[in-house]
């Protein structure tokens, strides 16, 4: 595929990616993908991965499901051993290829979508529930200032 500079494009059901479905609120929708194989000016084999997918996540602010559009655009350098990783150009992530030179394209797409997920998904349109929000600062009575916590240490040092 690299020598022939092959390109693939299409759509893939999100439900066909079990590891991704394990972290989603719902497995509905299609991932649109484009994969372009080739070699760069240094002779490094690569695959350009572009994926767009609407993913159902659970907002960690409201605990409600929401759709987050995820876009992936990355270049993966195809390597056969971990020693080859240091030779990859900047901006090229390593992708270890099996000895039989076979590459599961669905696995590559799924891996890239998993890496694109936020650590803590938050719906940008969400607001904190009213019972969680604090009253404005002027409504909070001023607290009496406590003694300096180091005063006790000062007294101990004198003894």
N, C-alpha and C. Protein backbone atom coordinates (compact mmCIF):
# COMPACT_ATOMS: atom_id res chain seq x y z
N UNK A 1 0.82 -1.19 0.00
CA UNK A 1 0.00 0.00 0.00
C UNK A 1 0.86 1.25 0.00
N UNK A 2 2.01 1.17 0.69
CA UNK A 2 2.90 2.32 0.75
C UNK A 2 3.51 2.58 -0.62
N UNK A 3 4.04 1.54 -1.27
CA UNK A 3 4.69 1.70 -2.57
C UNK A 3 3.70 2.19 -3.62
N UNK A 4 2.48 1.72 -3.55
CA UNK A 4 1.47 2.11 -4.53
C UNK A 4 0.78 3.42 -4.16
N UNK A 5 1.14 4.01 -2.99
CA UNK A 5 0.53 5.26 -2.51
C UNK A 5 -1.00 5.15 -2.51
N UNK A 6 -1.48 4.06 -1.92
CA UNK A 6 -2.92 3.78 -1.89
C UNK A 6 -3.64 4.74 -0.95
N UNK A 7 -4.89 4.98 -1.26
CA UNK A 7 -5.77 5.80 -0.43
C UNK A 7 -7.08 5.05 -0.23
N UNK A 8 -7.61 5.18 0.95
CA UNK A 8 -8.91 4.57 1.28
C UNK A 8 -9.76 5.64 1.93
N UNK A 9 -11.04 5.60 1.61
CA UNK A 9 -11.97 6.50 2.29
C UNK A 9 -13.31 5.81 2.38
N UNK A 10 -14.07 6.23 3.38
CA UNK A 10 -15.39 5.64 3.56
C UNK A 10 -15.94 5.97 4.92
N UNK A 11 -16.92 5.17 5.32
CA UNK A 11 -17.53 5.36 6.63
C UNK A 11 -17.54 4.02 7.35
N UNK A 12 -17.47 4.11 8.67
CA UNK A 12 -17.38 2.94 9.51
C UNK A 12 -18.34 3.13 10.68
N UNK A 13 -19.21 2.17 10.95
CA UNK A 13 -20.11 2.31 12.11
C UNK A 13 -19.29 2.35 13.41
N UNK A 14 -19.64 3.28 14.26
CA UNK A 14 -18.95 3.38 15.55
C UNK A 14 -19.14 2.10 16.35
N UNK A 15 -20.28 1.43 16.16
CA UNK A 15 -20.55 0.17 16.86
C UNK A 15 -19.57 -0.93 16.48
N UNK A 16 -18.83 -0.78 15.36
CA UNK A 16 -17.86 -1.78 14.93
C UNK A 16 -16.53 -1.66 15.66
N UNK A 17 -16.43 -0.68 16.57
CA UNK A 17 -15.18 -0.47 17.31
C UNK A 17 -15.45 -0.71 18.80
N UNK A 18 -15.27 -1.96 19.25
CA UNK A 18 -15.68 -2.33 20.61
C UNK A 18 -14.93 -1.60 21.73
N UNK A 19 -13.64 -1.35 21.56
CA UNK A 19 -12.91 -0.64 22.62
C UNK A 19 -13.40 0.78 22.76
N UNK A 20 -13.71 1.43 21.65
CA UNK A 20 -14.25 2.79 21.68
C UNK A 20 -15.64 2.80 22.30
N UNK A 21 -16.47 1.84 21.92
CA UNK A 21 -17.83 1.76 22.46
C UNK A 21 -17.82 1.59 23.98
N UNK A 22 -16.77 0.98 24.51
CA UNK A 22 -16.67 0.78 25.95
C UNK A 22 -16.56 2.06 26.75
N UNK A 23 -16.16 3.15 26.13
CA UNK A 23 -16.04 4.43 26.85
C UNK A 23 -17.08 5.45 26.41
N UNK A 24 -17.95 5.06 25.50
CA UNK A 24 -18.99 5.98 25.01
C UNK A 24 -20.30 5.75 25.74
N UNK A 25 -21.14 6.79 25.74
CA UNK A 25 -22.48 6.67 26.31
C UNK A 25 -23.39 5.90 25.37
N UNK A 26 -23.13 6.02 24.06
CA UNK A 26 -23.96 5.36 23.05
C UNK A 26 -23.08 5.10 21.83
N UNK A 27 -23.35 4.02 21.13
CA UNK A 27 -22.50 3.65 19.99
C UNK A 27 -23.16 3.96 18.65
N UNK A 28 -23.98 5.00 18.61
CA UNK A 28 -24.66 5.38 17.37
C UNK A 28 -23.74 6.24 16.52
N UNK A 29 -23.98 6.23 15.22
CA UNK A 29 -23.27 7.13 14.32
C UNK A 29 -22.25 6.43 13.45
N UNK A 30 -21.69 7.20 12.54
CA UNK A 30 -20.69 6.72 11.60
C UNK A 30 -19.44 7.59 11.69
N UNK A 31 -18.31 6.95 11.56
CA UNK A 31 -17.03 7.65 11.49
C UNK A 31 -16.64 7.75 10.01
N UNK A 32 -16.41 8.95 9.53
CA UNK A 32 -15.96 9.17 8.15
C UNK A 32 -14.43 9.20 8.18
N UNK A 33 -13.78 8.40 7.32
CA UNK A 33 -12.33 8.32 7.37
C UNK A 33 -11.69 8.45 6.00
N UNK A 34 -10.43 8.88 6.01
CA UNK A 34 -9.56 8.89 4.84
C UNK A 34 -8.19 8.42 5.31
N UNK A 35 -7.63 7.44 4.63
CA UNK A 35 -6.30 6.93 4.93
C UNK A 35 -5.46 7.03 3.66
N UNK A 36 -4.31 7.69 3.76
CA UNK A 36 -3.42 7.85 2.62
C UNK A 36 -2.05 7.29 2.99
N UNK A 37 -1.58 6.30 2.22
CA UNK A 37 -0.28 5.68 2.44
C UNK A 37 0.75 6.31 1.51
N UNK A 38 2.00 6.34 1.96
CA UNK A 38 3.06 6.87 1.11
C UNK A 38 4.40 6.88 1.81
N UNK A 39 5.38 7.54 1.17
CA UNK A 39 6.72 7.73 1.73
C UNK A 39 7.03 9.22 1.68
N UNK A 40 7.68 9.71 2.74
CA UNK A 40 8.06 11.12 2.74
C UNK A 40 9.41 11.30 2.06
N UNK A 41 9.95 12.52 2.07
CA UNK A 41 11.21 12.81 1.38
C UNK A 41 12.41 12.08 1.98
N UNK A 42 12.27 11.55 3.20
CA UNK A 42 13.35 10.78 3.84
C UNK A 42 13.21 9.27 3.61
N UNK A 43 12.16 8.87 2.90
CA UNK A 43 11.94 7.45 2.63
C UNK A 43 11.16 6.74 3.72
N UNK A 44 10.63 7.49 4.67
CA UNK A 44 9.87 6.90 5.78
C UNK A 44 8.46 6.56 5.32
N UNK A 45 8.07 5.31 5.52
CA UNK A 45 6.70 4.90 5.18
C UNK A 45 5.75 5.49 6.21
N UNK A 46 4.60 5.98 5.75
CA UNK A 46 3.63 6.60 6.64
C UNK A 46 2.21 6.31 6.18
N UNK A 47 1.28 6.60 7.07
CA UNK A 47 -0.13 6.63 6.73
C UNK A 47 -0.71 7.90 7.37
N UNK A 48 -1.36 8.71 6.52
CA UNK A 48 -2.07 9.89 7.02
C UNK A 48 -3.48 9.44 7.38
N UNK A 49 -3.89 9.74 8.60
CA UNK A 49 -5.21 9.32 9.09
C UNK A 49 -6.05 10.56 9.35
N UNK A 50 -7.19 10.63 8.68
CA UNK A 50 -8.15 11.72 8.92
C UNK A 50 -9.50 11.07 9.21
N UNK A 51 -10.05 11.40 10.36
CA UNK A 51 -11.32 10.81 10.79
C UNK A 51 -12.19 11.91 11.39
N UNK A 52 -13.47 11.85 11.07
CA UNK A 52 -14.47 12.72 11.70
C UNK A 52 -15.59 11.82 12.21
N UNK A 53 -15.94 12.01 13.49
CA UNK A 53 -16.97 11.16 14.08
C UNK A 53 -17.72 11.91 15.16
N UNK A 54 -19.05 11.76 15.20
CA UNK A 54 -19.83 12.30 16.31
C UNK A 54 -19.89 11.26 17.43
N UNK A 55 -19.24 11.54 18.53
CA UNK A 55 -19.16 10.55 19.62
C UNK A 55 -20.02 10.97 20.80
N UNK A 56 -20.79 10.02 21.32
CA UNK A 56 -21.65 10.24 22.48
C UNK A 56 -20.84 10.03 23.76
N UNK A 57 -20.65 11.10 24.51
CA UNK A 57 -19.91 11.04 25.76
C UNK A 57 -20.81 11.47 26.91
N UNK A 58 -20.40 11.19 28.13
CA UNK A 58 -21.14 11.62 29.31
C UNK A 58 -20.43 12.84 29.89
N UNK A 59 -21.14 13.95 29.95
CA UNK A 59 -20.59 15.19 30.50
C UNK A 59 -20.30 14.98 31.98
N UNK A 60 -19.09 15.27 32.41
CA UNK A 60 -18.72 15.06 33.80
C UNK A 60 -19.15 16.22 34.70
N UNK A 61 -19.75 17.24 34.11
CA UNK A 61 -20.30 18.34 34.90
C UNK A 61 -21.76 18.06 35.24
N UNK A 62 -22.53 17.56 34.26
CA UNK A 62 -23.96 17.36 34.46
C UNK A 62 -24.36 15.89 34.48
N UNK A 63 -23.45 15.01 34.09
CA UNK A 63 -23.69 13.57 33.97
C UNK A 63 -24.77 13.24 32.94
N UNK A 64 -24.94 14.13 31.97
CA UNK A 64 -25.87 13.93 30.86
C UNK A 64 -25.09 13.58 29.60
N UNK A 65 -25.64 12.70 28.75
CA UNK A 65 -24.94 12.39 27.49
C UNK A 65 -25.02 13.57 26.52
N UNK A 66 -23.97 13.72 25.72
CA UNK A 66 -23.95 14.76 24.69
C UNK A 66 -23.08 14.27 23.53
N UNK A 67 -23.27 14.88 22.37
CA UNK A 67 -22.51 14.50 21.18
C UNK A 67 -21.33 15.45 21.04
N UNK A 68 -20.15 14.87 20.96
CA UNK A 68 -18.94 15.66 20.75
C UNK A 68 -18.38 15.32 19.37
N UNK A 69 -18.32 16.29 18.47
CA UNK A 69 -17.71 16.01 17.17
C UNK A 69 -16.19 15.92 17.33
N UNK A 70 -15.62 14.80 16.93
CA UNK A 70 -14.18 14.57 17.07
C UNK A 70 -13.57 14.54 15.68
N UNK A 71 -12.46 15.27 15.52
CA UNK A 71 -11.73 15.28 14.26
C UNK A 71 -10.30 14.87 14.53
N UNK A 72 -9.81 13.92 13.75
CA UNK A 72 -8.44 13.42 13.87
C UNK A 72 -7.73 13.72 12.56
N UNK A 73 -6.54 14.26 12.65
CA UNK A 73 -5.70 14.47 11.46
C UNK A 73 -4.26 14.22 11.91
N UNK A 74 -3.75 13.03 11.64
CA UNK A 74 -2.41 12.69 12.12
C UNK A 74 -1.64 11.88 11.08
N UNK A 75 -0.32 11.94 11.20
CA UNK A 75 0.55 11.14 10.35
C UNK A 75 1.24 10.12 11.24
N UNK A 76 1.12 8.86 10.84
CA UNK A 76 1.71 7.76 11.58
C UNK A 76 2.85 7.16 10.76
N UNK A 77 4.02 7.13 11.35
CA UNK A 77 5.18 6.52 10.70
C UNK A 77 5.15 5.02 10.93
N UNK A 78 5.21 4.25 9.87
CA UNK A 78 5.13 2.80 9.96
C UNK A 78 6.52 2.23 10.27
N UNK A 79 6.64 1.60 11.44
CA UNK A 79 7.92 1.03 11.86
C UNK A 79 7.75 -0.45 12.17
N UNK A 80 8.84 -1.21 12.06
CA UNK A 80 8.78 -2.65 12.35
C UNK A 80 9.37 -2.99 13.71
N UNK A 81 10.19 -2.07 14.27
CA UNK A 81 10.75 -2.30 15.60
C UNK A 81 10.82 -0.95 16.32
N UNK A 82 10.87 -1.02 17.62
CA UNK A 82 10.89 0.21 18.43
C UNK A 82 12.17 1.00 18.20
N UNK A 83 13.23 0.36 17.74
CA UNK A 83 14.50 1.07 17.45
C UNK A 83 14.31 2.11 16.35
N UNK A 84 13.38 1.85 15.44
CA UNK A 84 13.16 2.75 14.31
C UNK A 84 12.41 4.03 14.71
N UNK A 85 11.85 4.05 15.89
CA UNK A 85 11.05 5.20 16.31
C UNK A 85 11.85 6.50 16.34
N UNK A 86 13.10 6.44 16.77
CA UNK A 86 13.91 7.65 16.88
C UNK A 86 14.22 8.26 15.52
N UNK A 87 14.13 7.50 14.45
CA UNK A 87 14.41 8.00 13.10
C UNK A 87 13.22 8.70 12.46
N UNK A 88 12.06 8.66 13.12
CA UNK A 88 10.87 9.29 12.54
C UNK A 88 11.00 10.81 12.59
N UNK A 89 10.52 11.49 11.56
CA UNK A 89 10.57 12.96 11.57
C UNK A 89 9.62 13.55 12.62
N UNK A 90 9.86 14.80 12.97
CA UNK A 90 9.01 15.48 13.95
C UNK A 90 7.58 15.54 13.44
N UNK A 91 6.64 15.38 14.35
CA UNK A 91 5.22 15.42 14.00
C UNK A 91 4.68 14.11 13.45
N UNK A 92 5.49 13.09 13.46
CA UNK A 92 5.09 11.78 12.95
C UNK A 92 5.07 10.80 14.11
N UNK A 93 3.90 10.31 14.46
CA UNK A 93 3.77 9.36 15.56
C UNK A 93 4.09 7.95 15.08
N UNK A 94 4.69 7.13 15.93
CA UNK A 94 5.04 5.77 15.49
C UNK A 94 3.84 4.83 15.49
N UNK A 95 3.82 3.93 14.52
CA UNK A 95 2.83 2.86 14.46
C UNK A 95 3.57 1.57 14.16
N UNK A 96 3.61 0.70 15.14
CA UNK A 96 4.34 -0.56 15.02
C UNK A 96 3.53 -1.53 14.15
N UNK A 97 4.15 -1.99 13.07
CA UNK A 97 3.51 -2.90 12.12
C UNK A 97 3.99 -4.31 12.43
N UNK A 98 3.09 -5.27 12.37
CA UNK A 98 3.44 -6.67 12.63
C UNK A 98 4.43 -7.18 11.59
N UNK A 99 5.11 -8.28 11.93
CA UNK A 99 6.13 -8.85 11.03
C UNK A 99 5.56 -9.29 9.69
N UNK A 100 4.27 -9.63 9.65
CA UNK A 100 3.67 -10.05 8.38
C UNK A 100 3.23 -8.85 7.53
N UNK A 101 3.55 -7.64 7.98
CA UNK A 101 3.24 -6.38 7.28
C UNK A 101 1.75 -6.11 7.15
N UNK A 102 0.93 -6.79 7.93
CA UNK A 102 -0.51 -6.54 7.89
C UNK A 102 -0.88 -5.49 8.91
N UNK A 103 -1.82 -4.67 8.52
CA UNK A 103 -2.25 -3.56 9.36
C UNK A 103 -3.77 -3.54 9.39
N UNK A 104 -4.35 -3.62 10.58
CA UNK A 104 -5.80 -3.56 10.71
C UNK A 104 -6.26 -2.12 10.67
N UNK A 105 -6.85 -1.71 9.55
CA UNK A 105 -7.23 -0.32 9.38
C UNK A 105 -8.29 0.11 10.38
N UNK A 106 -9.22 -0.77 10.72
CA UNK A 106 -10.24 -0.44 11.73
C UNK A 106 -9.57 -0.18 13.07
N UNK A 107 -8.55 -0.98 13.40
CA UNK A 107 -7.83 -0.79 14.67
C UNK A 107 -7.11 0.55 14.69
N UNK A 108 -6.53 0.94 13.57
CA UNK A 108 -5.83 2.23 13.49
C UNK A 108 -6.82 3.37 13.70
N UNK A 109 -7.96 3.30 13.04
CA UNK A 109 -8.99 4.34 13.19
C UNK A 109 -9.49 4.39 14.63
N UNK A 110 -9.74 3.21 15.20
CA UNK A 110 -10.23 3.15 16.59
C UNK A 110 -9.20 3.71 17.56
N UNK A 111 -7.92 3.37 17.38
CA UNK A 111 -6.87 3.89 18.24
C UNK A 111 -6.80 5.41 18.18
N UNK A 112 -6.88 5.96 16.99
CA UNK A 112 -6.79 7.42 16.84
C UNK A 112 -7.99 8.12 17.48
N UNK A 113 -9.18 7.53 17.36
CA UNK A 113 -10.35 8.12 18.01
C UNK A 113 -10.23 8.04 19.53
N UNK A 114 -9.73 6.93 20.05
CA UNK A 114 -9.53 6.80 21.49
C UNK A 114 -8.54 7.84 22.01
N UNK A 115 -7.48 8.07 21.26
CA UNK A 115 -6.48 9.06 21.67
C UNK A 115 -7.02 10.49 21.59
N UNK A 116 -8.02 10.72 20.75
CA UNK A 116 -8.58 12.06 20.60
C UNK A 116 -9.62 12.40 21.66
N UNK A 117 -10.07 11.40 22.42
CA UNK A 117 -11.08 11.67 23.45
C UNK A 117 -10.50 12.51 24.57
N UNK A 118 -11.30 13.44 25.11
CA UNK A 118 -10.81 14.22 26.24
C UNK A 118 -10.75 13.36 27.50
N UNK A 119 -9.83 13.70 28.38
CA UNK A 119 -9.68 12.97 29.63
C UNK A 119 -10.94 13.13 30.49
N UNK A 120 -11.45 14.36 30.53
CA UNK A 120 -12.68 14.66 31.28
C UNK A 120 -13.63 15.34 30.30
N UNK A 121 -14.59 14.59 29.74
CA UNK A 121 -15.51 15.20 28.78
C UNK A 121 -16.50 16.15 29.46
N UNK A 122 -16.59 17.36 28.92
CA UNK A 122 -17.52 18.36 29.43
C UNK A 122 -18.24 18.98 28.25
N UNK A 123 -19.55 18.97 28.30
CA UNK A 123 -20.36 19.59 27.26
C UNK A 123 -20.16 21.10 27.34
N UNK A 124 -19.68 21.74 26.27
CA UNK A 124 -19.45 23.19 26.32
C UNK A 124 -20.72 24.00 26.53
N UNK A 125 -21.88 23.42 26.25
CA UNK A 125 -23.15 24.12 26.43
C UNK A 125 -23.77 23.88 27.79
N UNK A 126 -23.12 23.12 28.65
CA UNK A 126 -23.71 22.77 29.94
C UNK A 126 -23.43 23.83 31.00
N UNK A 127 -24.28 23.82 32.00
CA UNK A 127 -24.10 24.69 33.15
C UNK A 127 -24.21 23.82 34.39
N UNK A 128 -23.56 24.25 35.45
CA UNK A 128 -23.65 23.52 36.71
C UNK A 128 -25.07 23.58 37.23
N UNK A 129 -25.56 22.50 37.83
CA UNK A 129 -26.89 22.54 38.43
C UNK A 129 -26.95 23.61 39.53
N UNK A 130 -28.13 24.18 39.72
CA UNK A 130 -28.28 25.28 40.68
C UNK A 130 -27.90 24.87 42.10
N UNK A 131 -28.19 23.62 42.48
CA UNK A 131 -27.86 23.19 43.84
C UNK A 131 -26.36 23.08 44.08
N UNK A 132 -25.57 23.09 43.00
CA UNK A 132 -24.13 22.97 43.15
C UNK A 132 -23.45 24.34 43.18
N UNK A 133 -24.06 25.31 42.53
CA UNK A 133 -23.42 26.62 42.44
C UNK A 133 -23.43 27.30 43.80
N UNK A 134 -22.44 28.14 44.02
CA UNK A 134 -22.30 28.85 45.29
C UNK A 134 -23.02 30.19 45.20
N UNK A 135 -23.48 30.70 46.35
CA UNK A 135 -24.07 32.04 46.32
C UNK A 135 -22.99 33.07 46.04
N UNK A 136 -23.36 34.25 45.56
CA UNK A 136 -22.37 35.30 45.30
C UNK A 136 -21.59 35.64 46.57
N UNK A 137 -20.40 36.17 46.39
CA UNK A 137 -19.50 36.43 47.51
C UNK A 137 -20.10 37.39 48.53
N UNK A 138 -20.92 38.38 48.10
CA UNK A 138 -21.47 39.34 49.06
C UNK A 138 -22.53 38.70 49.97
N UNK A 139 -23.11 37.57 49.57
CA UNK A 139 -24.10 36.90 50.40
C UNK A 139 -23.45 36.01 51.46
N UNK A 140 -22.18 35.69 51.32
CA UNK A 140 -21.50 34.83 52.28
C UNK A 140 -21.02 35.71 53.43
N UNK A 141 -21.43 35.40 54.66
CA UNK A 141 -20.99 36.23 55.78
C UNK A 141 -19.47 36.14 55.94
N UNK A 142 -18.89 37.25 56.32
CA UNK A 142 -17.44 37.29 56.52
C UNK A 142 -17.09 36.40 57.70
N UNK A 143 -16.14 35.56 57.50
CA UNK A 143 -15.74 34.66 58.57
C UNK A 143 -14.74 35.37 59.48
N UNK A 144 -14.83 35.03 60.75
CA UNK A 144 -13.91 35.62 61.70
C UNK A 144 -12.53 35.04 61.44
N UNK A 145 -11.55 35.93 61.35
CA UNK A 145 -10.20 35.48 61.04
C UNK A 145 -9.62 34.75 62.25
N UNK A 146 -9.15 33.55 61.99
CA UNK A 146 -8.59 32.78 63.09
C UNK A 146 -7.18 33.25 63.39
N UNK A 147 -6.67 32.85 64.53
CA UNK A 147 -5.30 33.21 64.90
C UNK A 147 -4.34 32.60 63.91
N UNK A 148 -3.18 33.19 63.87
CA UNK A 148 -2.13 32.71 63.00
C UNK A 148 -1.76 31.29 63.42
N UNK A 149 -1.77 30.31 62.50
CA UNK A 149 -1.46 28.93 62.88
C UNK A 149 -0.02 28.76 63.34
N UNK A 150 0.83 29.70 63.00
CA UNK A 150 2.23 29.60 63.41
C UNK A 150 2.46 30.19 64.80
N UNK A 151 1.44 30.82 65.36
CA UNK A 151 1.58 31.39 66.70
C UNK A 151 1.87 30.29 67.72
N UNK A 152 1.26 29.14 67.53
CA UNK A 152 1.50 28.03 68.45
C UNK A 152 2.95 27.58 68.38
N UNK A 153 3.50 27.56 67.18
CA UNK A 153 4.91 27.17 67.02
C UNK A 153 5.84 28.21 67.67
N UNK A 154 5.46 29.48 67.54
CA UNK A 154 6.25 30.55 68.16
C UNK A 154 6.30 30.36 69.68
N UNK A 155 5.14 30.00 70.26
CA UNK A 155 5.08 29.79 71.71
C UNK A 155 5.92 28.58 72.11
N UNK A 156 5.90 27.51 71.31
CA UNK A 156 6.69 26.33 71.62
C UNK A 156 8.18 26.63 71.56
N UNK A 157 8.56 27.49 70.60
CA UNK A 157 9.97 27.82 70.42
C UNK A 157 10.49 28.61 71.60
N UNK A 158 9.63 29.42 72.23
CA UNK A 158 10.04 30.22 73.39
C UNK A 158 10.33 29.33 74.59
N UNK A 159 9.66 28.22 74.71
CA UNK A 159 9.83 27.34 75.89
C UNK A 159 11.04 26.56 75.82
